[in-house]
Amino acid sequence: MVTTSISGTAAAAGAEPAHPLEKAARGIRAGRPRPHRAPETAVSGARLLLSGLGIDLEGESLRRTPERMAAALAELLTPRPFELTTFPNDGGYDELIVARGIPMRSLCEHHMLPFVGTAHIGYLPGERILGLSKLARVLEHFSHRPQVQERLTTQVAGWLQEQLEPAGVGVVIEAEHLCMTLRGVQAPGTTTITSSLLGTLRDDGRSHAEFLALTYRR
């Protein structure tokens, strides 16, 4: 068994520099809860924003809203560290491994509104296989920051390809963007699908088709 500590950076996948809130989470042991207190500067900023929009914060129910708002955003923007656990593929398994319907949520970096959906992540193993829960943890790691769905998809796929060195990797994400359904065009129910296929899953037609068939099977 091999473990790799993940604490907020993933330069191998072309990730953006670590977010300040992400940096604050470094050193927290894997599995411990995220901090629920936001920096006072964030609370002050939330108070200023709400007041600037004409919201009266003097009432009892709204008095602590800036604090709660900042804490909620801090939680959404702070990934949990985890250990990437791999095992030798001593059984010689050479077929697809796919985790379907992994819940996903992130914040659109253009409007800071959530986009929510599901991800399907799979790979063709090489010499090592991955602890299955870690597919969901890698997704969480990259989704807990200001994002666009296209980058999120390629970051997850590229990082798995770099760290695991499989024969191929496939990631498909389907999400509803609240910046599209609650504002602007206001098109509720619209979903966006993105995909990233690497290695054999991109180059071999049969593997490509098999992954997509497993992904979209209802």
N, C-alpha and C. Protein backbone atom coordinates (compact mmCIF):
# COMPACT_ATOMS: atom_id res chain seq x y z
N MET A 1 0.84 -1.19 0.00
CA MET A 1 0.00 0.00 0.00
C MET A 1 0.88 1.24 0.00
N VAL A 2 0.52 2.22 -0.81
CA VAL A 2 1.24 3.48 -0.87
C VAL A 2 0.25 4.60 -0.62
N THR A 3 0.64 5.55 0.22
CA THR A 3 -0.22 6.71 0.48
C THR A 3 0.53 7.98 0.13
N THR A 4 -0.20 8.94 -0.39
CA THR A 4 0.34 10.26 -0.69
C THR A 4 -0.53 11.29 0.00
N SER A 5 0.09 12.16 0.80
CA SER A 5 -0.67 13.16 1.53
C SER A 5 -1.07 14.28 0.59
N ILE A 6 -2.37 14.63 0.60
CA ILE A 6 -2.90 15.71 -0.22
C ILE A 6 -3.36 16.81 0.72
N SER A 7 -2.75 17.99 0.61
CA SER A 7 -3.08 19.04 1.58
C SER A 7 -3.42 20.36 0.92
N GLY A 8 -3.85 20.32 -0.35
CA GLY A 8 -4.34 21.56 -0.92
C GLY A 8 -3.66 22.00 -2.18
N THR A 9 -2.59 21.35 -2.62
CA THR A 9 -1.95 21.74 -3.87
C THR A 9 -1.97 20.58 -4.82
N ALA A 10 -2.01 20.88 -6.11
CA ALA A 10 -2.02 19.83 -7.12
C ALA A 10 -1.42 20.39 -8.40
N ALA A 11 -0.20 20.86 -8.31
CA ALA A 11 0.41 21.51 -9.45
C ALA A 11 0.57 20.56 -10.62
N ALA A 12 0.66 19.24 -10.33
CA ALA A 12 0.86 18.29 -11.41
C ALA A 12 -0.28 18.29 -12.39
N ALA A 13 -1.47 18.68 -11.94
CA ALA A 13 -2.63 18.68 -12.82
C ALA A 13 -2.88 20.05 -13.41
N GLY A 14 -1.96 20.98 -13.26
CA GLY A 14 -2.15 22.31 -13.80
C GLY A 14 -3.10 23.14 -12.98
N ALA A 15 -3.16 22.88 -11.66
CA ALA A 15 -4.12 23.59 -10.81
C ALA A 15 -3.71 25.03 -10.62
N GLU A 16 -4.69 25.83 -10.24
CA GLU A 16 -4.41 27.22 -9.89
C GLU A 16 -3.64 27.26 -8.57
N PRO A 17 -2.91 28.33 -8.27
CA PRO A 17 -2.24 28.44 -6.96
C PRO A 17 -3.24 28.28 -5.84
N ALA A 18 -2.75 27.77 -4.72
CA ALA A 18 -3.65 27.48 -3.60
C ALA A 18 -4.37 28.73 -3.14
N HIS A 19 -5.67 28.59 -2.87
CA HIS A 19 -6.49 29.68 -2.37
C HIS A 19 -6.10 29.95 -0.92
N PRO A 20 -6.17 31.21 -0.45
CA PRO A 20 -5.80 31.49 0.95
C PRO A 20 -6.56 30.64 1.96
N LEU A 21 -7.84 30.41 1.73
CA LEU A 21 -8.59 29.58 2.66
C LEU A 21 -8.11 28.14 2.62
N GLU A 22 -7.65 27.71 1.43
CA GLU A 22 -7.11 26.37 1.30
C GLU A 22 -5.79 26.25 2.06
N LYS A 23 -4.95 27.31 1.97
CA LYS A 23 -3.69 27.30 2.69
C LYS A 23 -3.93 27.17 4.19
N ALA A 24 -4.99 27.80 4.66
CA ALA A 24 -5.28 27.77 6.10
C ALA A 24 -5.60 26.36 6.58
N ALA A 25 -6.03 25.50 5.64
CA ALA A 25 -6.41 24.14 6.02
C ALA A 25 -5.22 23.20 6.08
N ARG A 26 -4.05 23.63 5.57
CA ARG A 26 -2.89 22.76 5.59
C ARG A 26 -2.48 22.44 7.03
N GLY A 27 -2.03 21.24 7.22
CA GLY A 27 -1.62 20.84 8.56
C GLY A 27 -2.74 20.22 9.37
N ILE A 28 -3.98 20.35 8.90
CA ILE A 28 -5.10 19.70 9.60
C ILE A 28 -5.05 18.21 9.27
N ARG A 29 -5.17 17.37 10.24
CA ARG A 29 -5.09 15.94 9.98
C ARG A 29 -6.25 15.50 9.11
N ALA A 30 -5.97 14.52 8.24
CA ALA A 30 -7.00 14.01 7.35
C ALA A 30 -8.18 13.51 8.17
N GLY A 31 -9.38 13.83 7.71
CA GLY A 31 -10.58 13.35 8.35
C GLY A 31 -11.15 14.29 9.39
N ARG A 32 -10.39 15.29 9.83
CA ARG A 32 -10.93 16.23 10.81
C ARG A 32 -11.85 17.22 10.13
N PRO A 33 -12.86 17.74 10.84
CA PRO A 33 -13.80 18.67 10.21
C PRO A 33 -13.11 19.93 9.75
N ARG A 34 -13.69 20.57 8.72
CA ARG A 34 -13.20 21.86 8.28
C ARG A 34 -13.47 22.91 9.36
N PRO A 35 -12.64 23.94 9.42
CA PRO A 35 -12.93 25.02 10.37
C PRO A 35 -14.21 25.73 9.98
N HIS A 36 -15.00 26.11 10.99
CA HIS A 36 -16.28 26.76 10.71
C HIS A 36 -16.21 28.26 10.92
N ARG A 37 -15.10 28.77 11.44
CA ARG A 37 -14.98 30.20 11.66
C ARG A 37 -14.25 30.82 10.48
N ALA A 38 -14.86 31.85 9.91
CA ALA A 38 -14.24 32.55 8.79
C ALA A 38 -13.35 33.67 9.33
N PRO A 39 -12.34 34.08 8.57
CA PRO A 39 -11.52 35.23 9.00
C PRO A 39 -12.39 36.47 9.20
N GLU A 40 -12.00 37.30 10.16
CA GLU A 40 -12.79 38.49 10.46
C GLU A 40 -12.89 39.42 9.25
N THR A 41 -11.85 39.41 8.41
CA THR A 41 -11.92 40.23 7.20
C THR A 41 -13.04 39.77 6.28
N ALA A 42 -13.28 38.45 6.25
CA ALA A 42 -14.37 37.92 5.42
C ALA A 42 -15.72 38.30 6.01
N VAL A 43 -15.84 38.23 7.34
CA VAL A 43 -17.09 38.62 7.99
C VAL A 43 -17.37 40.10 7.74
N SER A 44 -16.35 40.94 7.87
CA SER A 44 -16.53 42.38 7.62
C SER A 44 -16.92 42.63 6.17
N GLY A 45 -16.30 41.89 5.26
CA GLY A 45 -16.64 42.03 3.85
C GLY A 45 -18.07 41.62 3.56
N ALA A 46 -18.53 40.53 4.19
CA ALA A 46 -19.91 40.09 4.00
C ALA A 46 -20.88 41.14 4.55
N ARG A 47 -20.53 41.71 5.69
CA ARG A 47 -21.39 42.75 6.29
C ARG A 47 -21.48 43.97 5.37
N LEU A 48 -20.35 44.36 4.81
CA LEU A 48 -20.31 45.51 3.92
C LEU A 48 -21.11 45.25 2.64
N LEU A 49 -20.98 44.04 2.10
CA LEU A 49 -21.72 43.68 0.89
C LEU A 49 -23.23 43.72 1.13
N LEU A 50 -23.68 43.10 2.20
CA LEU A 50 -25.11 43.04 2.48
C LEU A 50 -25.67 44.43 2.76
N SER A 51 -24.92 45.21 3.52
CA SER A 51 -25.37 46.58 3.80
C SER A 51 -25.41 47.40 2.52
N GLY A 52 -24.44 47.21 1.66
CA GLY A 52 -24.41 47.94 0.40
C GLY A 52 -25.56 47.59 -0.51
N LEU A 53 -26.13 46.42 -0.33
CA LEU A 53 -27.30 46.00 -1.12
C LEU A 53 -28.60 46.44 -0.46
N GLY A 54 -28.49 47.20 0.61
CA GLY A 54 -29.69 47.74 1.25
C GLY A 54 -30.34 46.83 2.25
N ILE A 55 -29.63 45.81 2.71
CA ILE A 55 -30.20 44.87 3.68
C ILE A 55 -29.93 45.38 5.10
N ASP A 56 -30.97 45.52 5.88
CA ASP A 56 -30.86 45.99 7.25
C ASP A 56 -30.42 44.83 8.14
N LEU A 57 -29.26 44.93 8.73
CA LEU A 57 -28.69 43.85 9.53
C LEU A 57 -28.93 44.03 11.03
N GLU A 58 -29.79 44.96 11.40
CA GLU A 58 -29.99 45.25 12.82
C GLU A 58 -30.98 44.29 13.47
N GLY A 59 -31.83 43.64 12.69
CA GLY A 59 -32.81 42.73 13.28
C GLY A 59 -32.15 41.50 13.87
N GLU A 60 -32.84 40.85 14.81
CA GLU A 60 -32.26 39.70 15.51
C GLU A 60 -31.89 38.57 14.55
N SER A 61 -32.73 38.31 13.57
CA SER A 61 -32.48 37.18 12.67
C SER A 61 -31.37 37.44 11.67
N LEU A 62 -31.03 38.71 11.44
CA LEU A 62 -30.01 39.06 10.45
C LEU A 62 -28.70 39.53 11.06
N ARG A 63 -28.69 39.72 12.37
CA ARG A 63 -27.52 40.33 13.00
C ARG A 63 -26.25 39.51 12.77
N ARG A 64 -26.37 38.19 12.82
CA ARG A 64 -25.20 37.33 12.63
C ARG A 64 -25.12 36.73 11.22
N THR A 65 -25.94 37.24 10.32
CA THR A 65 -25.91 36.72 8.95
C THR A 65 -24.56 36.89 8.28
N PRO A 66 -23.88 38.04 8.40
CA PRO A 66 -22.55 38.14 7.77
C PRO A 66 -21.58 37.07 8.26
N GLU A 67 -21.63 36.77 9.56
CA GLU A 67 -20.75 35.74 10.10
C GLU A 67 -21.10 34.37 9.52
N ARG A 68 -22.40 34.06 9.47
CA ARG A 68 -22.83 32.77 8.93
C ARG A 68 -22.51 32.66 7.45
N MET A 69 -22.72 33.77 6.72
CA MET A 69 -22.45 33.78 5.29
C MET A 69 -20.97 33.53 5.01
N ALA A 70 -20.09 34.22 5.75
CA ALA A 70 -18.65 34.05 5.56
C ALA A 70 -18.21 32.64 5.94
N ALA A 71 -18.78 32.09 7.02
CA ALA A 71 -18.42 30.74 7.43
C ALA A 71 -18.86 29.70 6.40
N ALA A 72 -20.04 29.90 5.82
CA ALA A 72 -20.53 28.97 4.81
C ALA A 72 -19.61 28.99 3.58
N LEU A 73 -19.21 30.17 3.15
CA LEU A 73 -18.31 30.27 2.00
C LEU A 73 -16.95 29.67 2.33
N ALA A 74 -16.47 29.89 3.55
CA ALA A 74 -15.19 29.31 3.95
C ALA A 74 -15.24 27.79 3.88
N GLU A 75 -16.36 27.21 4.31
CA GLU A 75 -16.50 25.75 4.25
C GLU A 75 -16.52 25.26 2.81
N LEU A 76 -17.24 25.98 1.95
CA LEU A 76 -17.33 25.57 0.54
C LEU A 76 -16.00 25.72 -0.19
N LEU A 77 -15.13 26.58 0.31
CA LEU A 77 -13.88 26.87 -0.39
C LEU A 77 -12.66 26.21 0.26
N THR A 78 -12.87 25.35 1.24
CA THR A 78 -11.75 24.73 1.94
C THR A 78 -11.81 23.21 1.79
N PRO A 79 -10.96 22.62 0.96
CA PRO A 79 -10.97 21.16 0.82
C PRO A 79 -10.33 20.49 2.03
N ARG A 80 -10.77 19.29 2.32
CA ARG A 80 -10.17 18.51 3.39
C ARG A 80 -8.92 17.80 2.88
N PRO A 81 -7.82 17.84 3.64
CA PRO A 81 -6.67 17.01 3.28
C PRO A 81 -7.05 15.53 3.35
N PHE A 82 -6.37 14.71 2.58
CA PHE A 82 -6.63 13.28 2.65
C PHE A 82 -5.40 12.52 2.19
N GLU A 83 -5.40 11.23 2.44
CA GLU A 83 -4.31 10.37 2.00
C GLU A 83 -4.75 9.61 0.76
N LEU A 84 -4.02 9.78 -0.34
CA LEU A 84 -4.28 9.03 -1.55
C LEU A 84 -3.70 7.63 -1.37
N THR A 85 -4.56 6.64 -1.23
CA THR A 85 -4.13 5.28 -0.95
C THR A 85 -4.19 4.44 -2.21
N THR A 86 -3.06 3.83 -2.58
CA THR A 86 -3.01 2.93 -3.73
C THR A 86 -2.50 1.57 -3.29
N PHE A 87 -2.86 0.56 -4.06
CA PHE A 87 -2.49 -0.81 -3.77
C PHE A 87 -1.94 -1.46 -5.03
N PRO A 88 -1.07 -2.44 -4.88
CA PRO A 88 -0.56 -3.14 -6.07
C PRO A 88 -1.69 -3.88 -6.78
N ASN A 89 -1.69 -3.82 -8.08
CA ASN A 89 -2.68 -4.53 -8.89
C ASN A 89 -2.20 -5.97 -9.10
N ASP A 90 -2.08 -6.70 -7.98
CA ASP A 90 -1.46 -8.02 -8.06
C ASP A 90 -2.38 -9.06 -8.68
N GLY A 91 -3.66 -8.71 -8.87
CA GLY A 91 -4.56 -9.63 -9.57
C GLY A 91 -4.53 -9.44 -11.08
N GLY A 92 -3.80 -8.44 -11.52
CA GLY A 92 -3.71 -8.19 -12.95
C GLY A 92 -5.01 -7.71 -13.58
N TYR A 93 -5.85 -7.01 -12.80
CA TYR A 93 -7.13 -6.54 -13.32
C TYR A 93 -6.88 -5.50 -14.41
N ASP A 94 -7.49 -5.70 -15.58
CA ASP A 94 -7.22 -4.81 -16.70
C ASP A 94 -8.50 -4.31 -17.38
N GLU A 95 -9.60 -4.27 -16.62
CA GLU A 95 -10.85 -3.73 -17.15
C GLU A 95 -11.16 -2.41 -16.44
N LEU A 96 -12.19 -1.73 -16.92
CA LEU A 96 -12.54 -0.43 -16.37
C LEU A 96 -12.99 -0.52 -14.91
N ILE A 97 -12.63 0.49 -14.15
CA ILE A 97 -13.16 0.73 -12.81
C ILE A 97 -13.84 2.09 -12.86
N VAL A 98 -15.15 2.13 -12.60
CA VAL A 98 -15.91 3.36 -12.73
C VAL A 98 -16.74 3.59 -11.48
N ALA A 99 -16.62 4.77 -10.90
CA ALA A 99 -17.50 5.21 -9.81
C ALA A 99 -18.51 6.18 -10.42
N ARG A 100 -19.79 5.82 -10.37
CA ARG A 100 -20.83 6.61 -11.02
C ARG A 100 -21.63 7.41 -10.00
N GLY A 101 -22.13 8.56 -10.44
CA GLY A 101 -23.07 9.32 -9.63
C GLY A 101 -22.49 9.90 -8.36
N ILE A 102 -21.21 10.31 -8.40
CA ILE A 102 -20.60 10.93 -7.22
C ILE A 102 -21.16 12.34 -7.06
N PRO A 103 -21.77 12.67 -5.93
CA PRO A 103 -22.30 14.04 -5.75
C PRO A 103 -21.18 15.07 -5.84
N MET A 104 -21.49 16.18 -6.47
CA MET A 104 -20.49 17.24 -6.68
C MET A 104 -21.13 18.60 -6.45
N ARG A 105 -20.39 19.49 -5.80
CA ARG A 105 -20.82 20.88 -5.68
C ARG A 105 -19.59 21.76 -5.70
N SER A 106 -19.72 22.91 -6.31
CA SER A 106 -18.62 23.86 -6.36
C SER A 106 -19.21 25.25 -6.51
N LEU A 107 -18.33 26.26 -6.56
CA LEU A 107 -18.76 27.64 -6.72
C LEU A 107 -18.25 28.18 -8.05
N CYS A 108 -19.16 28.70 -8.86
CA CYS A 108 -18.78 29.35 -10.10
C CYS A 108 -17.92 30.57 -9.78
N GLU A 109 -16.73 30.62 -10.37
CA GLU A 109 -15.83 31.72 -10.03
C GLU A 109 -16.26 33.05 -10.63
N HIS A 110 -17.21 33.04 -11.55
CA HIS A 110 -17.66 34.28 -12.17
C HIS A 110 -18.72 35.00 -11.34
N HIS A 111 -19.59 34.24 -10.64
CA HIS A 111 -20.67 34.85 -9.87
C HIS A 111 -20.69 34.39 -8.42
N MET A 112 -19.82 33.46 -8.05
CA MET A 112 -19.79 32.90 -6.70
C MET A 112 -21.13 32.31 -6.31
N LEU A 113 -21.79 31.70 -7.28
CA LEU A 113 -23.01 30.93 -7.03
C LEU A 113 -22.69 29.45 -7.26
N PRO A 114 -23.39 28.55 -6.55
CA PRO A 114 -23.05 27.13 -6.67
C PRO A 114 -23.41 26.55 -8.04
N PHE A 115 -22.65 25.54 -8.44
CA PHE A 115 -23.13 24.60 -9.44
C PHE A 115 -23.05 23.21 -8.83
N VAL A 116 -24.11 22.45 -9.04
CA VAL A 116 -24.33 21.20 -8.31
C VAL A 116 -24.69 20.10 -9.30
N GLY A 117 -24.15 18.91 -9.09
CA GLY A 117 -24.49 17.82 -9.98
C GLY A 117 -23.82 16.53 -9.56
N THR A 118 -23.48 15.72 -10.54
CA THR A 118 -22.85 14.42 -10.29
C THR A 118 -21.66 14.25 -11.23
N ALA A 119 -20.73 13.43 -10.79
CA ALA A 119 -19.56 13.11 -11.58
C ALA A 119 -19.44 11.60 -11.73
N HIS A 120 -18.91 11.18 -12.86
CA HIS A 120 -18.59 9.78 -13.12
C HIS A 120 -17.10 9.73 -13.41
N ILE A 121 -16.37 8.97 -12.62
CA ILE A 121 -14.92 8.93 -12.72
C ILE A 121 -14.47 7.48 -12.87
N GLY A 122 -13.65 7.21 -13.87
CA GLY A 122 -13.18 5.85 -14.08
C GLY A 122 -11.75 5.83 -14.60
N TYR A 123 -11.15 4.64 -14.52
CA TYR A 123 -9.80 4.48 -15.04
C TYR A 123 -9.54 3.02 -15.41
N LEU A 124 -8.60 2.83 -16.31
CA LEU A 124 -8.08 1.51 -16.65
C LEU A 124 -6.78 1.33 -15.88
N PRO A 125 -6.74 0.42 -14.92
CA PRO A 125 -5.58 0.35 -14.04
C PRO A 125 -4.32 -0.13 -14.75
N GLY A 126 -3.20 0.34 -14.22
CA GLY A 126 -1.90 -0.15 -14.64
C GLY A 126 -1.36 -1.05 -13.56
N GLU A 127 -0.22 -0.66 -12.98
CA GLU A 127 0.41 -1.49 -11.95
C GLU A 127 -0.23 -1.32 -10.57
N ARG A 128 -1.00 -0.22 -10.39
CA ARG A 128 -1.59 0.03 -9.08
C ARG A 128 -3.07 0.38 -9.23
N ILE A 129 -3.83 0.09 -8.18
CA ILE A 129 -5.23 0.45 -8.13
C ILE A 129 -5.44 1.40 -6.95
N LEU A 130 -6.56 2.11 -7.00
CA LEU A 130 -6.84 3.19 -6.05
C LEU A 130 -7.93 2.78 -5.09
N GLY A 131 -7.81 3.18 -3.82
CA GLY A 131 -8.93 3.02 -2.90
C GLY A 131 -10.14 3.75 -3.44
N LEU A 132 -11.29 3.09 -3.57
CA LEU A 132 -12.42 3.63 -4.33
C LEU A 132 -12.92 4.96 -3.78
N SER A 133 -12.91 5.12 -2.47
CA SER A 133 -13.42 6.38 -1.91
C SER A 133 -12.58 7.57 -2.34
N LYS A 134 -11.34 7.30 -2.75
CA LYS A 134 -10.45 8.40 -3.10
C LYS A 134 -10.85 9.07 -4.41
N LEU A 135 -11.62 8.39 -5.26
CA LEU A 135 -12.13 9.04 -6.46
C LEU A 135 -13.03 10.21 -6.08
N ALA A 136 -13.88 9.98 -5.07
CA ALA A 136 -14.75 11.06 -4.59
C ALA A 136 -13.95 12.13 -3.86
N ARG A 137 -12.91 11.74 -3.15
CA ARG A 137 -12.11 12.72 -2.41
C ARG A 137 -11.31 13.62 -3.35
N VAL A 138 -10.80 13.06 -4.45
CA VAL A 138 -10.09 13.89 -5.42
C VAL A 138 -11.04 14.92 -6.03
N LEU A 139 -12.27 14.48 -6.34
CA LEU A 139 -13.27 15.40 -6.87
C LEU A 139 -13.54 16.52 -5.86
N GLU A 140 -13.72 16.16 -4.60
CA GLU A 140 -13.96 17.18 -3.57
C GLU A 140 -12.78 18.14 -3.46
N HIS A 141 -11.58 17.60 -3.55
CA HIS A 141 -10.38 18.42 -3.42
C HIS A 141 -10.38 19.56 -4.44
N PHE A 142 -10.71 19.25 -5.68
CA PHE A 142 -10.66 20.27 -6.72
C PHE A 142 -11.93 21.11 -6.80
N SER A 143 -13.03 20.62 -6.28
CA SER A 143 -14.28 21.38 -6.37
C SER A 143 -14.42 22.41 -5.27
N HIS A 144 -13.66 22.28 -4.18
CA HIS A 144 -13.77 23.23 -3.07
C HIS A 144 -12.85 24.43 -3.30
N ARG A 145 -13.17 25.19 -4.32
CA ARG A 145 -12.45 26.41 -4.66
C ARG A 145 -13.27 27.10 -5.75
N PRO A 146 -13.06 28.38 -6.01
CA PRO A 146 -13.74 28.99 -7.15
C PRO A 146 -13.38 28.24 -8.43
N GLN A 147 -14.39 27.84 -9.20
CA GLN A 147 -14.14 26.94 -10.31
C GLN A 147 -14.96 27.30 -11.53
N VAL A 148 -14.57 26.72 -12.65
CA VAL A 148 -15.43 26.55 -13.81
C VAL A 148 -15.48 25.05 -14.07
N GLN A 149 -16.58 24.57 -14.59
CA GLN A 149 -16.77 23.13 -14.73
C GLN A 149 -15.75 22.52 -15.68
N GLU A 150 -15.38 23.24 -16.71
CA GLU A 150 -14.42 22.71 -17.68
C GLU A 150 -13.07 22.43 -17.01
N ARG A 151 -12.60 23.40 -16.22
CA ARG A 151 -11.31 23.21 -15.53
C ARG A 151 -11.39 22.10 -14.50
N LEU A 152 -12.48 22.07 -13.75
CA LEU A 152 -12.65 21.03 -12.74
C LEU A 152 -12.52 19.64 -13.36
N THR A 153 -13.17 19.45 -14.51
CA THR A 153 -13.15 18.14 -15.17
C THR A 153 -11.73 17.74 -15.56
N THR A 154 -11.00 18.66 -16.17
CA THR A 154 -9.64 18.33 -16.62
C THR A 154 -8.67 18.21 -15.45
N GLN A 155 -8.88 18.97 -14.38
CA GLN A 155 -8.00 18.86 -13.22
C GLN A 155 -8.10 17.48 -12.57
N VAL A 156 -9.32 16.99 -12.39
CA VAL A 156 -9.50 15.67 -11.78
C VAL A 156 -8.86 14.60 -12.65
N ALA A 157 -9.12 14.64 -13.96
CA ALA A 157 -8.57 13.63 -14.86
C ALA A 157 -7.04 13.71 -14.92
N GLY A 158 -6.51 14.91 -15.06
CA GLY A 158 -5.07 15.06 -15.17
C GLY A 158 -4.34 14.66 -13.92
N TRP A 159 -4.93 14.99 -12.76
CA TRP A 159 -4.28 14.64 -11.50
C TRP A 159 -4.24 13.12 -11.31
N LEU A 160 -5.34 12.44 -11.62
CA LEU A 160 -5.37 10.98 -11.49
C LEU A 160 -4.37 10.33 -12.45
N GLN A 161 -4.28 10.86 -13.67
CA GLN A 161 -3.33 10.32 -14.63
C GLN A 161 -1.90 10.48 -14.13
N GLU A 162 -1.60 11.63 -13.56
CA GLU A 162 -0.25 11.90 -13.08
C GLU A 162 0.10 11.06 -11.86
N GLN A 163 -0.82 10.95 -10.91
CA GLN A 163 -0.52 10.28 -9.64
C GLN A 163 -0.61 8.76 -9.73
N LEU A 164 -1.55 8.26 -10.51
CA LEU A 164 -1.82 6.82 -10.53
C LEU A 164 -1.12 6.10 -11.68
N GLU A 165 -0.80 6.83 -12.76
CA GLU A 165 -0.20 6.27 -13.97
C GLU A 165 -0.99 5.07 -14.50
N PRO A 166 -2.29 5.25 -14.71
CA PRO A 166 -3.11 4.16 -15.25
C PRO A 166 -2.96 4.11 -16.77
N ALA A 167 -3.62 3.10 -17.38
CA ALA A 167 -3.64 3.04 -18.84
C ALA A 167 -4.53 4.13 -19.42
N GLY A 168 -5.53 4.56 -18.66
CA GLY A 168 -6.42 5.61 -19.13
C GLY A 168 -7.29 6.12 -18.01
N VAL A 169 -7.80 7.34 -18.17
CA VAL A 169 -8.67 7.97 -17.18
C VAL A 169 -9.83 8.63 -17.92
N GLY A 170 -11.02 8.56 -17.31
CA GLY A 170 -12.18 9.26 -17.85
C GLY A 170 -12.95 9.96 -16.76
N VAL A 171 -13.35 11.20 -17.00
CA VAL A 171 -14.14 11.98 -16.05
C VAL A 171 -15.27 12.64 -16.82
N VAL A 172 -16.50 12.47 -16.35
CA VAL A 172 -17.66 13.16 -16.90
C VAL A 172 -18.39 13.84 -15.75
N ILE A 173 -18.69 15.12 -15.91
CA ILE A 173 -19.43 15.87 -14.89
C ILE A 173 -20.67 16.47 -15.53
N GLU A 174 -21.80 16.30 -14.86
CA GLU A 174 -23.07 16.91 -15.28
C GLU A 174 -23.58 17.75 -14.12
N ALA A 175 -23.81 19.05 -14.37
CA ALA A 175 -24.16 19.94 -13.26
C ALA A 175 -25.14 21.01 -13.71
N GLU A 176 -25.91 21.48 -12.74
CA GLU A 176 -26.79 22.63 -12.94
C GLU A 176 -26.14 23.84 -12.30
N HIS A 177 -26.04 24.92 -13.06
CA HIS A 177 -25.37 26.13 -12.59
C HIS A 177 -26.42 27.15 -12.16
N LEU A 178 -26.38 27.52 -10.88
CA LEU A 178 -27.36 28.48 -10.39
C LEU A 178 -27.18 29.86 -11.00
N CYS A 179 -25.97 30.16 -11.49
CA CYS A 179 -25.79 31.45 -12.16
C CYS A 179 -26.54 31.49 -13.48
N MET A 180 -26.98 30.32 -13.96
CA MET A 180 -27.76 30.26 -15.19
C MET A 180 -29.25 30.04 -14.92
N THR A 181 -29.57 29.42 -13.78
CA THR A 181 -30.96 29.09 -13.50
C THR A 181 -31.66 30.11 -12.61
N LEU A 182 -30.91 30.83 -11.75
CA LEU A 182 -31.53 31.80 -10.84
C LEU A 182 -31.42 33.23 -11.33
N ARG A 183 -30.53 33.51 -12.26
CA ARG A 183 -30.29 34.88 -12.71
C ARG A 183 -30.08 34.84 -14.22
N GLY A 184 -29.85 36.01 -14.78
CA GLY A 184 -29.51 36.06 -16.21
C GLY A 184 -30.61 35.46 -17.07
N VAL A 185 -30.26 34.42 -17.81
CA VAL A 185 -31.21 33.80 -18.73
C VAL A 185 -32.34 33.09 -17.99
N GLN A 186 -32.10 32.70 -16.71
CA GLN A 186 -33.12 32.04 -15.87
C GLN A 186 -33.72 30.83 -16.59
N ALA A 187 -32.86 29.82 -16.79
CA ALA A 187 -33.28 28.59 -17.48
C ALA A 187 -33.18 27.41 -16.53
N PRO A 188 -34.16 27.28 -15.59
CA PRO A 188 -34.10 26.19 -14.62
C PRO A 188 -34.18 24.83 -15.30
N GLY A 189 -33.45 23.87 -14.71
CA GLY A 189 -33.43 22.51 -15.23
C GLY A 189 -32.35 22.26 -16.27
N THR A 190 -31.69 23.32 -16.73
CA THR A 190 -30.62 23.16 -17.70
C THR A 190 -29.38 22.57 -17.03
N THR A 191 -28.78 21.57 -17.64
CA THR A 191 -27.55 21.00 -17.12
C THR A 191 -26.45 21.11 -18.17
N THR A 192 -25.23 21.15 -17.68
CA THR A 192 -24.05 21.22 -18.53
C THR A 192 -23.22 19.96 -18.32
N ILE A 193 -22.77 19.35 -19.42
CA ILE A 193 -21.97 18.13 -19.36
C ILE A 193 -20.58 18.41 -19.92
N THR A 194 -19.57 18.03 -19.15
CA THR A 194 -18.18 18.14 -19.61
C THR A 194 -17.50 16.80 -19.44
N SER A 195 -16.49 16.54 -20.26
CA SER A 195 -15.78 15.27 -20.16
C SER A 195 -14.30 15.48 -20.43
N SER A 196 -13.50 14.61 -19.85
CA SER A 196 -12.06 14.57 -20.11
C SER A 196 -11.64 13.11 -20.16
N LEU A 197 -11.14 12.68 -21.31
CA LEU A 197 -10.68 11.30 -21.51
C LEU A 197 -9.20 11.34 -21.85
N LEU A 198 -8.42 10.51 -21.16
CA LEU A 198 -6.98 10.49 -21.34
C LEU A 198 -6.51 9.06 -21.59
N GLY A 199 -5.38 8.94 -22.26
CA GLY A 199 -4.78 7.63 -22.50
C GLY A 199 -5.64 6.76 -23.38
N THR A 200 -5.76 5.49 -22.98
CA THR A 200 -6.51 4.51 -23.77
C THR A 200 -7.97 4.89 -23.93
N LEU A 201 -8.54 5.53 -22.92
CA LEU A 201 -9.95 5.90 -23.02
C LEU A 201 -10.18 6.99 -24.06
N ARG A 202 -9.14 7.69 -24.44
CA ARG A 202 -9.26 8.68 -25.50
C ARG A 202 -8.88 8.09 -26.87
N ASP A 203 -7.85 7.24 -26.87
CA ASP A 203 -7.27 6.79 -28.13
C ASP A 203 -7.88 5.52 -28.70
N ASP A 204 -8.40 4.66 -27.84
CA ASP A 204 -8.96 3.39 -28.30
C ASP A 204 -10.48 3.51 -28.39
N GLY A 205 -11.03 3.29 -29.56
CA GLY A 205 -12.45 3.48 -29.79
C GLY A 205 -13.33 2.60 -28.92
N ARG A 206 -12.95 1.34 -28.74
CA ARG A 206 -13.78 0.43 -27.94
C ARG A 206 -13.78 0.82 -26.46
N SER A 207 -12.60 1.17 -25.93
CA SER A 207 -12.53 1.59 -24.53
C SER A 207 -13.29 2.90 -24.32
N HIS A 208 -13.15 3.79 -25.28
CA HIS A 208 -13.88 5.06 -25.24
C HIS A 208 -15.38 4.82 -25.16
N ALA A 209 -15.89 3.97 -26.05
CA ALA A 209 -17.33 3.70 -26.09
C ALA A 209 -17.80 2.97 -24.83
N GLU A 210 -16.97 2.05 -24.31
CA GLU A 210 -17.36 1.31 -23.11
C GLU A 210 -17.48 2.23 -21.92
N PHE A 211 -16.53 3.16 -21.78
CA PHE A 211 -16.59 4.09 -20.64
C PHE A 211 -17.85 4.95 -20.72
N LEU A 212 -18.13 5.50 -21.89
CA LEU A 212 -19.31 6.36 -22.02
C LEU A 212 -20.59 5.56 -21.82
N ALA A 213 -20.61 4.30 -22.26
CA ALA A 213 -21.80 3.47 -22.06
C ALA A 213 -22.03 3.20 -20.58
N LEU A 214 -20.96 2.92 -19.84
CA LEU A 214 -21.10 2.69 -18.40
C LEU A 214 -21.49 3.97 -17.67
N THR A 215 -20.98 5.08 -18.15
CA THR A 215 -21.27 6.36 -17.52
C THR A 215 -22.72 6.75 -17.64
N TYR A 216 -23.30 6.56 -18.82
CA TYR A 216 -24.65 7.05 -19.09
C TYR A 216 -25.72 5.98 -18.91
N ARG A 217 -25.34 4.79 -18.47
CA ARG A 217 -26.35 3.76 -18.21
C ARG A 217 -27.24 4.18 -17.06
N ARG A 218 -28.55 4.09 -17.27
CA ARG A 218 -29.50 4.49 -16.21
C ARG A 218 -30.06 3.27 -15.51
